[in-house]
Amino acid sequence: MSTSNRLGELLVREKLISLQQLRQAQDEQKKSGKNLGYALAKLGYISDGEITNFLSAQYRLPAINLDEYEIDSDIIKLVGRDVCEKHKIIPVSRSGSSLIVGMADPTNLHAIDDIKFLTGYNVEPVVASETAILSAIDRYYNVGPSYEEVLEDFDIGDEDIDFTADDEDVNILELEKASEDAPVVRLVNVLLLNAIRKGASDIHAEPYEKRLRVRYRVDGVLHEEMSPPVKLKNALVSRIKIMSQLDIAERRLPQDGRIKLKLGKGREMDFRVSILPTMWGEKVVMRLLDKGNLQLDMTKLGFDKGPLDDFLWAINQPWGMVLVTGPTGSGKTTTLYSALSDLNQPSVNISTAEDPVEYNLHGINQVQMHDEIGLNFAMGLRAFLRQDPDIIMVGEIRDFETAEISVKAALTGHLVLSTLHTNDAPATISRLLNMGVEPFLITASVNLVLAQRLARRVCVDCKKEQPIDPQVLLDLGCTEEQAAAGRVVKGEGCSTCNGTGYKGRVALYEVMRFHDELKEMVLQGASTAELKVAAIKKGMITLRVAGIEKVLDGVTTPEEILRVTMSD
């Protein structure tokens, strides 16, 4: 019996969780690929700490909190990473001829025998949860060198090549040679791999007059990661350019490229690279695109039942427009891809015009836009209409021409999905009107508008209920009844969330189904505010209200909702 199955049976037997909760956690486990303890904690049925304490009492062995315990590197070297991952164990400390080992299942005699044979020590088990052990394995068996180790390879006092020279003075041959130096290569590799480990969505390398700054965007917020010597800025950028097949000699114009990394076990990671000349050198921004993390199951995106039903109704209509709105990085692409994945059947022809194509989806004809040769959204749309399409996805409606063709496609028997940059769902109608689309065309073509934001989730490993001034909840928009409890969930900060108190993100949705009453109001010239009031009366849940519900459910915090939504 596996450790997870044994844990599940024990928790049900002791009535700490129900059989139904175990089944739901096992379903979540299959989808996420994580362990059962992680799935139970994510669903809020039992915390990681409670699992550890339960196992400690069950096996009558001491428990250990690996987040608060620092393991010596000499101890880590005694047992290889493969053995630790295989048996869900980690060596903790040494006492005479005994090795203290953190174990998720202390009854696993095979694991104990393996460790005895490999190390020559007697094994004394202590209990830790599987989630904590896997997190500690990642932390201590870190693949690749640290920043400090890489920077030690540079002779920062070397004046032979001055990378801070003006653009005109840089010798391209020297720059190319410097970018291929082993320390520069290692530094860029560490930057990319650490971004993957920390779950970053973007890497920013920014040159200033006397400083080079590297930041990661994690869960939508930028954090400073390191500050390499400023002399390395040109070599660093040149190395990234070489990896993304860009022109290292061109330092005055913006450039775009792509890096593909193979990470083993069939996993690939794409980095979308953007180079921008600034006053003190070239700034690099790399967007991480991990297809393995792409969530295509619409029920897992964070929709509540009512809004999800409306969205599914709209995308399953034979024609019409479905518009997804929100700022950059709000998850619009993920929502559209999940909709396309739901619609992707052998009986329909789906074409997408994207700039850029972020993920490759089997069975869907994806076209990359190239403005420099005239292939823009408008031209792509015209070409699609000659390709016998059923469903069309337009990356973004940016101008009247694209909007006009999209509307006409929706009116001639095609389902059109697209995005716009607006603050909320009702404002999307005003945006189309401002572009020059006639009101009667909007009312005839638009089925539904969805606005969305991403808020950071409270870390499940360190979240605790805390008192809060009810006035804060009232100011957020809660009712007096909701604010009366005066308690919210916040993360205290741990190694899992890098001390931030947040880990992962949850989507907030504002779904406006375009009812006949709203269409009539648009034809009569109603304002955005009037449309919003009418939509709320028809049952639309605003972004702020959706956020409040997530706060009351213990998923996120009032600060996050204030950060990503505006008051109604």
Protein backbone atom coordinates (compact mmCIF):
# COMPACT_ATOMS: atom_id res chain seq x y z
CA MET A 1 0.00 0.00 0.00
CA SER A 2 1.34 3.45 -0.94
CA THR A 3 2.04 6.11 1.70
CA SER A 4 -0.82 8.26 0.36
CA ASN A 5 -3.38 5.43 0.47
CA ARG A 6 -2.30 4.49 3.99
CA LEU A 7 -2.54 8.11 5.15
CA GLY A 8 -6.00 8.48 3.61
CA GLU A 9 -7.31 5.33 5.31
CA LEU A 10 -5.90 6.41 8.71
CA LEU A 11 -7.46 9.90 8.49
CA VAL A 12 -10.88 8.48 7.55
CA ARG A 13 -10.68 5.83 10.27
CA GLU A 14 -9.94 8.45 12.91
CA LYS A 15 -12.78 10.64 11.48
CA LEU A 16 -10.48 13.59 10.78
CA ILE A 17 -11.85 13.66 7.24
CA SER A 18 -14.86 12.03 5.61
CA LEU A 19 -14.72 9.36 2.92
CA GLN A 20 -16.22 11.85 0.46
CA GLN A 21 -13.47 14.38 1.28
CA LEU A 22 -10.85 11.67 0.73
CA ARG A 23 -12.34 10.85 -2.70
CA GLN A 24 -12.36 14.55 -3.67
CA ALA A 25 -8.74 14.92 -2.50
CA GLN A 26 -7.73 11.83 -4.50
CA ASP A 27 -9.35 13.35 -7.62
CA GLU A 28 -7.45 16.61 -6.97
CA GLN A 29 -4.28 14.57 -6.46
CA LYS A 30 -4.66 12.91 -9.88
CA LYS A 31 -5.18 16.27 -11.61
CA SER A 32 -2.39 18.17 -9.86
CA GLY A 33 0.15 15.33 -9.70
CA LYS A 34 0.90 16.34 -6.09
CA ASN A 35 0.64 14.16 -2.96
CA LEU A 36 -2.52 13.48 -0.94
CA GLY A 37 -1.53 15.75 1.98
CA TYR A 38 -1.07 18.68 -0.43
CA ALA A 39 -4.48 17.98 -2.02
CA LEU A 40 -6.22 17.79 1.38
CA ALA A 41 -4.61 21.06 2.50
CA LYS A 42 -5.44 22.80 -0.80
CA LEU A 43 -9.10 21.81 -0.46
CA GLY A 44 -9.06 23.07 3.14
CA TYR A 45 -10.02 19.73 4.73
CA ILE A 46 -6.95 19.40 7.00
CA SER A 47 -3.71 21.39 7.31
CA ASP A 48 -0.21 20.02 6.80
CA GLY A 49 0.61 20.65 10.47
CA GLU A 50 -2.46 18.68 11.61
CA ILE A 51 -1.40 15.76 9.41
CA THR A 52 2.10 15.77 10.98
CA ASN A 53 0.71 15.86 14.55
CA PHE A 54 -1.77 13.08 13.73
CA LEU A 55 0.98 10.82 12.29
CA SER A 56 3.18 11.56 15.31
CA ALA A 57 0.44 10.40 17.70
CA GLN A 58 -0.44 7.44 15.45
CA TYR A 59 3.11 6.07 15.31
CA ARG A 60 4.08 7.28 18.83
CA LEU A 61 7.14 9.01 17.40
CA PRO A 62 8.34 12.63 17.70
CA ALA A 63 7.30 15.01 14.91
CA ILE A 64 9.56 17.55 13.21
CA ASN A 65 8.73 20.85 11.52
CA LEU A 66 11.16 20.85 8.60
CA ASP A 67 10.35 24.50 7.80
CA GLU A 68 11.86 25.58 11.13
CA TYR A 69 14.78 23.11 11.13
CA GLU A 70 18.09 23.80 9.37
CA ILE A 71 19.73 20.59 8.10
CA ASP A 72 23.53 20.55 7.85
CA SER A 73 24.90 20.07 4.31
CA ASP A 74 27.14 17.18 5.51
CA ILE A 75 24.02 15.30 6.64
CA ILE A 76 22.28 15.90 3.30
CA LYS A 77 25.27 14.38 1.45
CA LEU A 78 24.81 11.06 3.29
CA VAL A 79 21.68 10.14 1.26
CA GLY A 80 21.14 10.86 -2.43
CA ARG A 81 18.17 12.80 -3.77
CA ASP A 82 16.86 9.79 -5.74
CA VAL A 83 16.64 7.68 -2.54
CA CYS A 84 14.90 10.51 -0.66
CA GLU A 85 12.31 11.00 -3.44
CA LYS A 86 11.77 7.25 -3.82
CA HIS A 87 11.03 6.66 -0.11
CA LYS A 88 9.69 10.15 0.83
CA ILE A 89 12.39 10.61 3.47
CA ILE A 90 15.07 13.17 4.34
CA PRO A 91 18.11 12.84 6.66
CA VAL A 92 17.84 15.37 9.49
CA SER A 93 20.77 14.97 11.90
CA ARG A 94 23.28 12.50 13.33
CA SER A 95 23.62 11.29 16.92
CA GLY A 96 26.53 8.93 17.54
CA SER A 97 25.98 5.87 15.37
CA SER A 98 22.37 6.82 14.61
CA LEU A 99 20.95 8.88 11.74
CA ILE A 100 17.69 10.74 12.49
CA VAL A 101 15.52 10.57 9.38
CA GLY A 102 12.28 12.44 8.65
CA MET A 103 9.74 9.97 7.22
CA ALA A 104 6.18 10.25 5.96
CA ASP A 105 5.69 6.53 6.73
CA PRO A 106 7.91 5.31 9.61
CA THR A 107 6.60 1.75 9.11
CA ASN A 108 8.39 1.51 5.74
CA LEU A 109 11.03 -1.07 6.74
CA HIS A 110 12.32 -1.31 3.17
CA ALA A 111 13.27 2.40 3.27
CA ILE A 112 14.94 2.01 6.68
CA ASP A 113 16.99 -0.98 5.43
CA ASP A 114 18.03 0.96 2.31
CA ILE A 115 19.30 3.90 4.38
CA LYS A 116 21.13 1.59 6.82
CA PHE A 117 22.87 -0.14 3.91
CA LEU A 118 23.81 3.13 2.15
CA THR A 119 25.06 5.04 5.19
CA GLY A 120 26.18 2.41 7.70
CA TYR A 121 24.18 4.19 10.41
CA ASN A 122 21.27 2.96 12.51
CA VAL A 123 18.05 4.77 11.54
CA GLU A 124 15.88 6.65 14.04
CA PRO A 125 12.66 7.81 12.33
CA VAL A 126 10.87 11.05 13.15
CA VAL A 127 7.54 11.98 11.57
CA ALA A 128 7.07 14.69 8.94
CA SER A 129 4.34 15.16 6.35
CA GLU A 130 5.01 14.09 2.76
CA THR A 131 4.46 17.69 1.56
CA ALA A 132 7.07 19.04 4.00
CA ILE A 133 9.56 16.31 3.04
CA LEU A 134 9.20 16.94 -0.71
CA SER A 135 9.56 20.69 -0.12
CA ALA A 136 12.72 20.09 1.95
CA ILE A 137 14.16 17.79 -0.75
CA ASP A 138 13.70 20.59 -3.31
CA ARG A 139 15.27 23.09 -0.92
CA TYR A 140 18.36 21.10 0.12
CA TYR A 141 19.04 19.14 -3.06
CA ASN A 142 19.05 22.31 -5.13
CA VAL A 143 20.28 21.51 -8.64
CA GLY A 144 22.92 23.91 -9.88
CA PRO A 145 25.11 26.49 -8.16
CA SER A 146 23.92 29.44 -6.11
CA TYR A 147 24.30 33.05 -7.26
CA GLU A 148 27.16 33.51 -4.82
CA GLU A 149 29.04 30.48 -6.21
CA VAL A 150 28.56 31.71 -9.78
CA LEU A 151 29.69 35.26 -8.98
CA GLU A 152 32.85 33.91 -7.33
CA ASP A 153 33.90 32.74 -10.81
CA PHE A 154 34.04 36.34 -12.06
CA ASP A 155 37.15 38.43 -11.57
CA ILE A 156 35.24 41.63 -10.92
CA GLY A 157 38.49 43.59 -10.59
CA ASP A 158 39.55 42.66 -14.13
CA GLU A 159 39.73 45.84 -16.24
CA ASP A 160 40.66 44.17 -19.55
CA ILE A 161 37.11 44.36 -20.88
CA ASP A 162 34.91 47.20 -19.68
CA PHE A 163 31.34 46.07 -20.30
CA THR A 164 30.00 49.45 -19.20
CA ALA A 165 31.51 51.23 -22.20
CA ASP A 166 29.28 53.31 -24.48
CA ASP A 167 27.46 51.47 -27.28
CA GLU A 168 29.72 52.91 -29.96
CA ASP A 169 32.89 51.63 -28.25
CA VAL A 170 31.84 48.02 -27.68
CA ASN A 171 33.80 45.49 -29.70
CA ILE A 172 31.25 42.93 -30.92
CA LEU A 173 33.82 40.12 -31.13
CA GLU A 174 34.88 40.75 -27.52
CA LEU A 175 31.24 40.92 -26.47
CA GLU A 176 30.45 37.61 -28.15
CA LYS A 177 33.51 36.01 -26.54
CA ALA A 178 32.55 37.39 -23.12
CA SER A 179 28.97 36.11 -23.45
CA GLU A 180 30.29 32.59 -24.08
CA ASP A 181 32.54 32.60 -20.99
CA ALA A 182 31.61 29.77 -18.62
CA PRO A 183 30.73 32.09 -15.66
CA VAL A 184 28.32 34.16 -17.80
CA VAL A 185 26.71 30.99 -19.16
CA ARG A 186 26.33 29.62 -15.64
CA LEU A 187 24.88 32.90 -14.34
CA VAL A 188 22.17 32.97 -17.03
CA ASN A 189 21.40 29.27 -16.45
CA VAL A 190 20.99 29.88 -12.69
CA LEU A 191 18.71 32.88 -13.39
CA LEU A 192 16.45 30.75 -15.62
CA LEU A 193 16.39 27.64 -13.40
CA ASN A 194 15.74 29.57 -10.17
CA ALA A 195 12.84 31.38 -11.87
CA ILE A 196 11.32 27.98 -12.72
CA ARG A 197 11.85 26.67 -9.17
CA LYS A 198 10.25 29.74 -7.59
CA GLY A 199 7.24 29.64 -9.92
CA ALA A 200 8.03 33.04 -11.47
CA SER A 201 5.98 34.22 -14.45
CA ASP A 202 8.51 36.85 -15.61
CA ILE A 203 12.21 37.70 -15.23
CA HIS A 204 13.31 41.36 -15.44
CA ALA A 205 17.00 42.27 -15.93
CA GLU A 206 17.28 46.06 -15.67
CA PRO A 207 20.45 48.15 -16.18
CA TYR A 208 20.95 51.47 -14.37
CA GLU A 209 23.91 53.85 -14.26
CA LYS A 210 25.70 52.10 -11.40
CA ARG A 211 23.59 49.00 -10.85
CA LEU A 212 22.17 45.94 -12.58
CA ARG A 213 18.97 44.63 -11.00
CA VAL A 214 17.27 41.26 -11.56
CA ARG A 215 13.67 40.82 -10.42
CA TYR A 216 11.20 37.91 -10.58
CA ARG A 217 7.45 38.33 -10.83
CA VAL A 218 5.93 35.68 -8.54
CA ASP A 219 2.13 35.45 -8.20
CA GLY A 220 1.78 38.79 -9.96
CA VAL A 221 4.17 40.78 -7.72
CA LEU A 222 7.79 41.73 -8.52
CA HIS A 223 10.52 40.76 -6.02
CA GLU A 224 14.20 41.69 -6.29
CA GLU A 225 16.19 38.50 -6.76
CA MET A 226 19.79 39.64 -7.10
CA SER A 227 22.06 42.49 -8.21
CA PRO A 228 24.96 41.20 -10.37
CA PRO A 229 27.98 43.46 -10.96
CA VAL A 230 27.03 46.21 -13.43
CA LYS A 231 30.06 45.32 -15.59
CA LEU A 232 28.28 42.11 -16.59
CA LYS A 233 25.23 43.76 -18.11
CA ASN A 234 26.27 43.61 -21.77
CA ALA A 235 27.67 40.09 -21.51
CA LEU A 236 24.48 38.95 -19.75
CA VAL A 237 22.22 40.46 -22.42
CA SER A 238 24.40 39.07 -25.22
CA ARG A 239 24.21 35.56 -23.75
CA ILE A 240 20.40 35.79 -23.62
CA LYS A 241 20.37 37.09 -27.22
CA ILE A 242 22.49 34.17 -28.41
CA MET A 243 20.18 31.69 -26.64
CA SER A 244 17.11 33.30 -28.27
CA GLN A 245 18.80 33.64 -31.70
CA LEU A 246 18.75 37.44 -31.77
CA ASP A 247 21.27 39.87 -33.26
CA ILE A 248 23.89 40.75 -30.62
CA ALA A 249 25.25 43.56 -32.82
CA GLU A 250 21.88 45.40 -32.85
CA ARG A 251 21.67 47.34 -29.59
CA ARG A 252 19.53 50.33 -30.62
CA LEU A 253 16.25 48.62 -31.59
CA PRO A 254 13.84 46.42 -29.60
CA GLN A 255 14.06 42.69 -30.37
CA ASP A 256 11.84 39.70 -29.57
CA GLY A 257 12.83 36.05 -29.42
CA ARG A 258 12.24 32.73 -27.69
CA ILE A 259 14.29 30.29 -25.60
CA LYS A 260 13.27 26.64 -25.20
CA LEU A 261 14.65 24.67 -22.25
CA LYS A 262 14.33 20.90 -21.84
CA LEU A 263 14.06 20.05 -18.13
CA GLY A 264 13.99 16.26 -18.23
CA LYS A 265 11.04 13.86 -17.79
CA GLY A 266 9.67 15.23 -21.10
CA ARG A 267 9.02 18.67 -19.61
CA GLU A 268 9.78 21.74 -21.72
CA MET A 269 9.78 25.39 -20.68
CA ASP A 270 9.55 28.29 -23.12
CA PHE A 271 10.88 31.78 -22.35
CA ARG A 272 9.46 34.61 -24.45
CA VAL A 273 12.27 37.17 -24.63
CA SER A 274 11.85 40.92 -25.13
CA ILE A 275 14.89 43.23 -25.41
CA LEU A 276 14.35 46.99 -25.02
CA PRO A 277 17.10 49.66 -25.33
CA THR A 278 17.02 52.02 -22.33
CA MET A 279 19.17 54.95 -21.23
CA TRP A 280 21.77 52.79 -19.46
CA GLY A 281 21.71 49.67 -21.64
CA GLU A 282 19.30 47.00 -22.79
CA LYS A 283 16.53 45.81 -20.48
CA VAL A 284 15.51 42.16 -20.79
CA VAL A 285 12.10 40.77 -19.86
CA MET A 286 11.49 37.03 -20.18
CA ARG A 287 7.98 35.57 -19.85
CA LEU A 288 7.94 31.95 -18.67
CA LEU A 289 5.48 29.72 -20.53
CA ASP A 290 5.04 26.31 -18.90
CA LYS A 291 2.55 24.18 -20.81
CA GLY A 292 2.64 21.67 -17.95
CA ASN A 293 1.03 24.28 -15.68
CA LEU A 294 -1.59 25.37 -18.22
CA GLN A 295 -4.99 24.77 -16.61
CA LEU A 296 -7.42 23.74 -19.35
CA ASP A 297 -10.16 22.37 -17.07
CA MET A 298 -12.66 25.23 -16.85
CA THR A 299 -14.14 23.99 -13.59
CA LYS A 300 -10.71 24.44 -11.93
CA LEU A 301 -10.19 28.06 -12.97
CA GLY A 302 -12.13 29.50 -10.01
CA PHE A 303 -15.57 30.12 -11.56
CA ASP A 304 -18.56 30.04 -9.24
CA LYS A 305 -21.46 27.96 -10.54
CA GLY A 306 -23.70 30.77 -11.85
CA PRO A 307 -21.00 32.64 -13.82
CA LEU A 308 -19.59 29.33 -15.12
CA ASP A 309 -23.03 28.30 -16.42
CA ASP A 310 -23.36 31.64 -18.22
CA PHE A 311 -19.89 31.34 -19.75
CA LEU A 312 -20.49 27.75 -20.91
CA TRP A 313 -23.82 28.83 -22.43
CA ALA A 314 -22.09 31.62 -24.39
CA ILE A 315 -19.22 29.55 -25.80
CA ASN A 316 -21.61 26.78 -26.86
CA GLN A 317 -23.77 29.10 -29.00
CA PRO A 318 -23.46 28.49 -32.76
CA TRP A 319 -22.47 32.13 -33.40
CA GLY A 320 -21.84 35.42 -31.64
CA MET A 321 -19.00 37.06 -29.72
CA VAL A 322 -17.56 36.21 -26.30
CA LEU A 323 -15.20 38.91 -25.03
CA VAL A 324 -12.70 38.43 -22.17
CA THR A 325 -11.29 41.62 -20.65
CA GLY A 326 -8.68 42.58 -18.11
CA PRO A 327 -5.16 44.01 -17.79
CA THR A 328 -2.00 42.25 -18.97
CA GLY A 329 -1.25 39.21 -16.82
CA SER A 330 -4.82 38.71 -15.57
CA GLY A 331 -5.19 35.21 -17.05
CA LYS A 332 -7.24 36.09 -20.17
CA THR A 333 -5.21 33.73 -22.38
CA THR A 334 -5.70 30.83 -19.96
CA THR A 335 -9.47 31.41 -19.91
CA LEU A 336 -9.63 31.51 -23.72
CA TYR A 337 -7.45 28.41 -24.10
CA SER A 338 -9.61 26.52 -21.61
CA ALA A 339 -12.71 27.52 -23.61
CA LEU A 340 -11.08 26.39 -26.88
CA SER A 341 -9.99 23.14 -25.25
CA ASP A 342 -13.61 22.55 -24.21
CA LEU A 343 -14.81 23.28 -27.76
CA ASN A 344 -12.03 21.35 -29.54
CA GLN A 345 -13.84 18.48 -31.28
CA PRO A 346 -13.09 16.66 -34.57
CA SER A 347 -16.38 18.07 -35.94
CA VAL A 348 -15.38 21.76 -35.71
CA ASN A 349 -12.72 23.88 -37.40
CA ILE A 350 -11.00 26.26 -34.94
CA SER A 351 -8.54 28.95 -36.04
CA THR A 352 -6.71 31.43 -33.79
CA ALA A 353 -4.83 34.65 -34.58
CA GLU A 354 -2.33 35.29 -31.76
CA ASP A 355 0.51 37.66 -31.02
CA PRO A 356 2.40 35.73 -29.83
CA VAL A 357 1.25 32.08 -29.84
CA GLU A 358 1.88 31.24 -26.18
CA TYR A 359 1.01 27.52 -26.07
CA ASN A 360 0.58 24.96 -28.83
CA LEU A 361 -2.83 23.25 -28.70
CA HIS A 362 -3.30 20.05 -30.71
CA GLY A 363 -6.22 20.15 -33.15
CA ILE A 364 -6.38 23.97 -33.31
CA ASN A 365 -4.97 25.99 -36.22
CA GLN A 366 -2.87 28.69 -34.55
CA VAL A 367 -1.45 31.59 -36.57
CA GLN A 368 1.35 33.86 -35.35
CA MET A 369 0.88 37.52 -36.28
CA HIS A 370 3.75 39.39 -38.02
CA ASP A 371 3.02 43.11 -38.20
CA GLU A 372 6.30 43.81 -39.98
CA ILE A 373 5.11 41.94 -43.09
CA GLY A 374 1.50 43.10 -42.83
CA LEU A 375 0.07 39.99 -41.17
CA ASN A 376 -2.02 41.65 -38.45
CA PHE A 377 -5.23 40.59 -36.72
CA ALA A 378 -7.42 42.15 -39.43
CA MET A 379 -5.59 40.35 -42.27
CA GLY A 380 -5.57 37.08 -40.34
CA LEU A 381 -9.32 37.34 -39.71
CA ARG A 382 -10.03 37.94 -43.40
CA ALA A 383 -7.97 34.87 -44.29
CA PHE A 384 -9.78 32.77 -41.66
CA LEU A 385 -13.17 33.58 -43.19
CA ARG A 386 -12.00 31.92 -46.42
CA GLN A 387 -10.88 28.82 -44.47
CA ASP A 388 -14.39 27.49 -43.65
CA PRO A 389 -14.12 28.16 -39.87
CA ASP A 390 -16.62 27.33 -37.14
CA ILE A 391 -14.81 29.03 -34.25
CA ILE A 392 -12.36 31.93 -34.43
CA MET A 393 -10.16 33.27 -31.64
CA VAL A 394 -8.63 36.74 -32.08
CA GLY A 395 -5.79 37.47 -29.65
CA GLU A 396 -6.89 41.06 -29.10
CA ILE A 397 -9.29 43.60 -30.63
CA ARG A 398 -7.05 46.68 -30.86
CA ASP A 399 -8.64 48.82 -33.57
CA PHE A 400 -11.82 49.49 -35.54
CA GLU A 401 -10.79 47.29 -38.47
CA THR A 402 -10.30 44.20 -36.28
CA ALA A 403 -13.49 44.96 -34.32
CA GLU A 404 -15.53 45.39 -37.52
CA ILE A 405 -14.38 42.10 -39.06
CA SER A 406 -14.90 40.25 -35.75
CA VAL A 407 -18.47 41.56 -35.49
CA LYS A 408 -19.22 40.62 -39.10
CA ALA A 409 -17.81 37.13 -38.54
CA ALA A 410 -20.02 36.75 -35.45
CA LEU A 411 -23.07 37.84 -37.48
CA THR A 412 -22.38 35.39 -40.32
CA GLY A 413 -22.58 32.17 -38.33
CA HIS A 414 -19.23 32.01 -36.53
CA LEU A 415 -18.39 31.90 -32.83
CA VAL A 416 -15.75 34.57 -32.15
CA LEU A 417 -13.67 34.67 -28.95
CA SER A 418 -11.43 37.65 -28.24
CA THR A 419 -9.94 39.96 -25.60
CA LEU A 420 -9.96 43.70 -24.90
CA HIS A 421 -8.23 45.89 -22.33
CA THR A 422 -11.03 47.37 -20.19
CA ASN A 423 -11.51 47.72 -16.44
CA ASP A 424 -14.78 45.80 -16.11
CA ALA A 425 -17.41 44.00 -18.19
CA PRO A 426 -19.86 46.93 -18.79
CA ALA A 427 -16.99 49.23 -19.90
CA THR A 428 -16.29 46.84 -22.78
CA ILE A 429 -19.43 47.98 -24.60
CA SER A 430 -18.29 51.63 -24.36
CA ARG A 431 -14.87 50.60 -25.68
CA LEU A 432 -16.41 49.02 -28.78
CA LEU A 433 -18.59 52.11 -29.32
CA ASN A 434 -15.52 54.34 -28.99
CA MET A 435 -13.74 52.26 -31.62
CA GLY A 436 -16.55 53.11 -34.02
CA VAL A 437 -18.68 49.94 -33.96
CA GLU A 438 -22.38 50.77 -34.42
CA PRO A 439 -24.65 50.07 -31.39
CA PHE A 440 -27.00 47.82 -33.42
CA LEU A 441 -24.02 45.66 -34.52
CA ILE A 442 -22.84 45.28 -30.90
CA THR A 443 -26.30 44.24 -29.67
CA ALA A 444 -26.67 41.77 -32.53
CA SER A 445 -23.28 40.11 -32.12
CA VAL A 446 -22.14 40.11 -28.45
CA ASN A 447 -23.30 37.12 -26.36
CA LEU A 448 -21.31 37.68 -23.18
CA VAL A 449 -18.53 39.79 -21.66
CA LEU A 450 -16.22 38.44 -18.96
CA ALA A 451 -13.83 40.59 -16.89
CA GLN A 452 -11.22 38.93 -14.73
CA ARG A 453 -8.38 39.54 -12.28
CA LEU A 454 -5.88 37.32 -10.47
CA ALA A 455 -5.48 37.63 -6.68
CA ARG A 456 -2.80 35.85 -4.66
CA ARG A 457 -3.90 32.85 -2.59
CA VAL A 458 -3.02 32.64 1.09
CA CYS A 459 -0.31 30.00 1.58
CA VAL A 460 -1.96 26.80 2.85
CA ASP A 461 1.11 25.83 4.89
CA CYS A 462 1.22 28.93 7.11
CA LYS A 463 -2.28 30.39 6.96
CA LYS A 464 -3.91 31.31 10.26
CA GLU A 465 -7.17 32.95 11.17
CA GLN A 466 -6.57 36.45 12.52
CA PRO A 467 -8.82 39.17 13.98
CA ILE A 468 -9.45 42.25 11.86
CA ASP A 469 -11.19 45.56 12.48
CA PRO A 470 -14.77 45.12 11.14
CA GLN A 471 -14.50 48.63 9.65
CA VAL A 472 -11.83 47.34 7.24
CA LEU A 473 -14.28 44.74 5.96
CA LEU A 474 -17.03 47.36 5.71
CA ASP A 475 -14.69 49.63 3.71
CA LEU A 476 -13.92 46.66 1.46
CA GLY A 477 -17.61 46.37 0.64
CA CYS A 478 -18.77 43.64 3.02
CA THR A 479 -22.23 43.83 4.54
CA GLU A 480 -22.52 44.53 8.28
CA GLU A 481 -23.50 40.90 8.79
CA GLN A 482 -20.37 39.69 6.94
CA ALA A 483 -18.10 42.14 8.79
CA ALA A 484 -19.47 41.18 12.23
CA ALA A 485 -17.28 38.05 12.40
CA GLY A 486 -14.19 40.32 12.30
CA ARG A 487 -11.82 37.50 11.33
CA VAL A 488 -9.89 36.74 8.13
CA VAL A 489 -7.21 34.26 7.07
CA LYS A 490 -3.64 35.48 6.53
CA GLY A 491 -0.32 33.77 5.84
CA GLU A 492 2.40 34.16 8.46
CA GLY A 493 5.23 33.44 6.00
CA CYS A 494 7.17 30.17 5.62
CA SER A 495 9.68 28.50 3.29
CA THR A 496 6.90 27.30 0.98
CA CYS A 497 5.84 30.86 0.16
CA ASN A 498 9.31 32.47 0.57
CA GLY A 499 8.03 34.39 3.59
CA THR A 500 5.34 36.26 1.63
CA GLY A 501 2.29 34.53 3.12
CA TYR A 502 0.96 33.89 -0.40
CA LYS A 503 1.36 30.93 -2.75
CA GLY A 504 -0.42 30.62 -6.09
CA ARG A 505 -3.28 32.71 -7.43
CA VAL A 506 -7.06 32.54 -7.70
CA ALA A 507 -9.11 34.11 -10.49
CA LEU A 508 -11.95 36.57 -9.86
CA TYR A 509 -14.64 36.72 -12.55
CA GLU A 510 -17.28 39.28 -13.49
CA VAL A 511 -19.58 37.70 -16.09
CA MET A 512 -22.09 39.91 -17.90
CA ARG A 513 -24.52 37.95 -20.04
CA PHE A 514 -25.88 40.31 -22.68
CA HIS A 515 -29.61 40.09 -21.91
CA ASP A 516 -32.28 41.77 -24.05
CA GLU A 517 -32.74 44.54 -21.46
CA LEU A 518 -29.05 45.45 -21.70
CA LYS A 519 -29.18 45.40 -25.49
CA GLU A 520 -32.14 47.80 -25.43
CA MET A 521 -30.22 50.12 -23.10
CA VAL A 522 -27.22 50.16 -25.45
CA LEU A 523 -29.48 51.10 -28.39
CA GLN A 524 -30.88 53.94 -26.25
CA GLY A 525 -27.37 55.26 -25.49
CA ALA A 526 -27.11 54.23 -21.82
CA SER A 527 -23.86 55.02 -19.98
CA THR A 528 -21.43 52.43 -18.59
CA ALA A 529 -22.64 53.16 -15.03
CA GLU A 530 -26.28 52.57 -16.04
CA LEU A 531 -25.35 49.30 -17.79
CA LYS A 532 -23.51 48.16 -14.66
CA VAL A 533 -26.49 48.83 -12.37
CA ALA A 534 -28.81 46.97 -14.75
CA ALA A 535 -26.40 44.02 -15.09
CA ILE A 536 -26.12 43.70 -11.28
CA LYS A 537 -29.93 43.66 -11.05
CA LYS A 538 -29.89 40.81 -13.59
CA GLY A 539 -27.55 38.84 -11.29
CA MET A 540 -24.04 39.88 -12.38
CA ILE A 541 -21.47 39.44 -9.58
CA THR A 542 -18.89 42.24 -9.76
CA LEU A 543 -15.13 41.70 -9.40
CA ARG A 544 -15.18 43.31 -5.94
CA VAL A 545 -18.06 41.10 -4.72
CA ALA A 546 -16.34 38.00 -6.18
CA GLY A 547 -13.20 39.05 -4.27
CA ILE A 548 -15.11 39.55 -1.00
CA GLU A 549 -16.49 36.00 -1.31
CA LYS A 550 -12.93 34.67 -1.71
CA VAL A 551 -11.85 36.61 1.43
CA LEU A 552 -14.78 35.21 3.47
CA ASP A 553 -13.96 31.70 2.17
CA GLY A 554 -10.39 32.06 3.50
CA VAL A 555 -8.80 31.91 0.05
CA THR A 556 -7.22 35.39 -0.06
CA THR A 557 -6.91 38.60 1.99
CA PRO A 558 -8.62 42.02 2.01
CA GLU A 559 -5.30 43.63 0.97
CA GLU A 560 -5.19 41.53 -2.19
CA ILE A 561 -8.76 42.40 -3.17
CA LEU A 562 -8.04 46.10 -2.65
CA ARG A 563 -4.93 45.70 -4.82
CA VAL A 564 -6.61 44.05 -7.81
CA THR A 565 -10.20 45.40 -7.82
CA MET A 566 -11.94 48.78 -7.70
CA SER A 567 -14.86 49.57 -5.39
CA ASP A 568 -18.30 49.22 -6.94
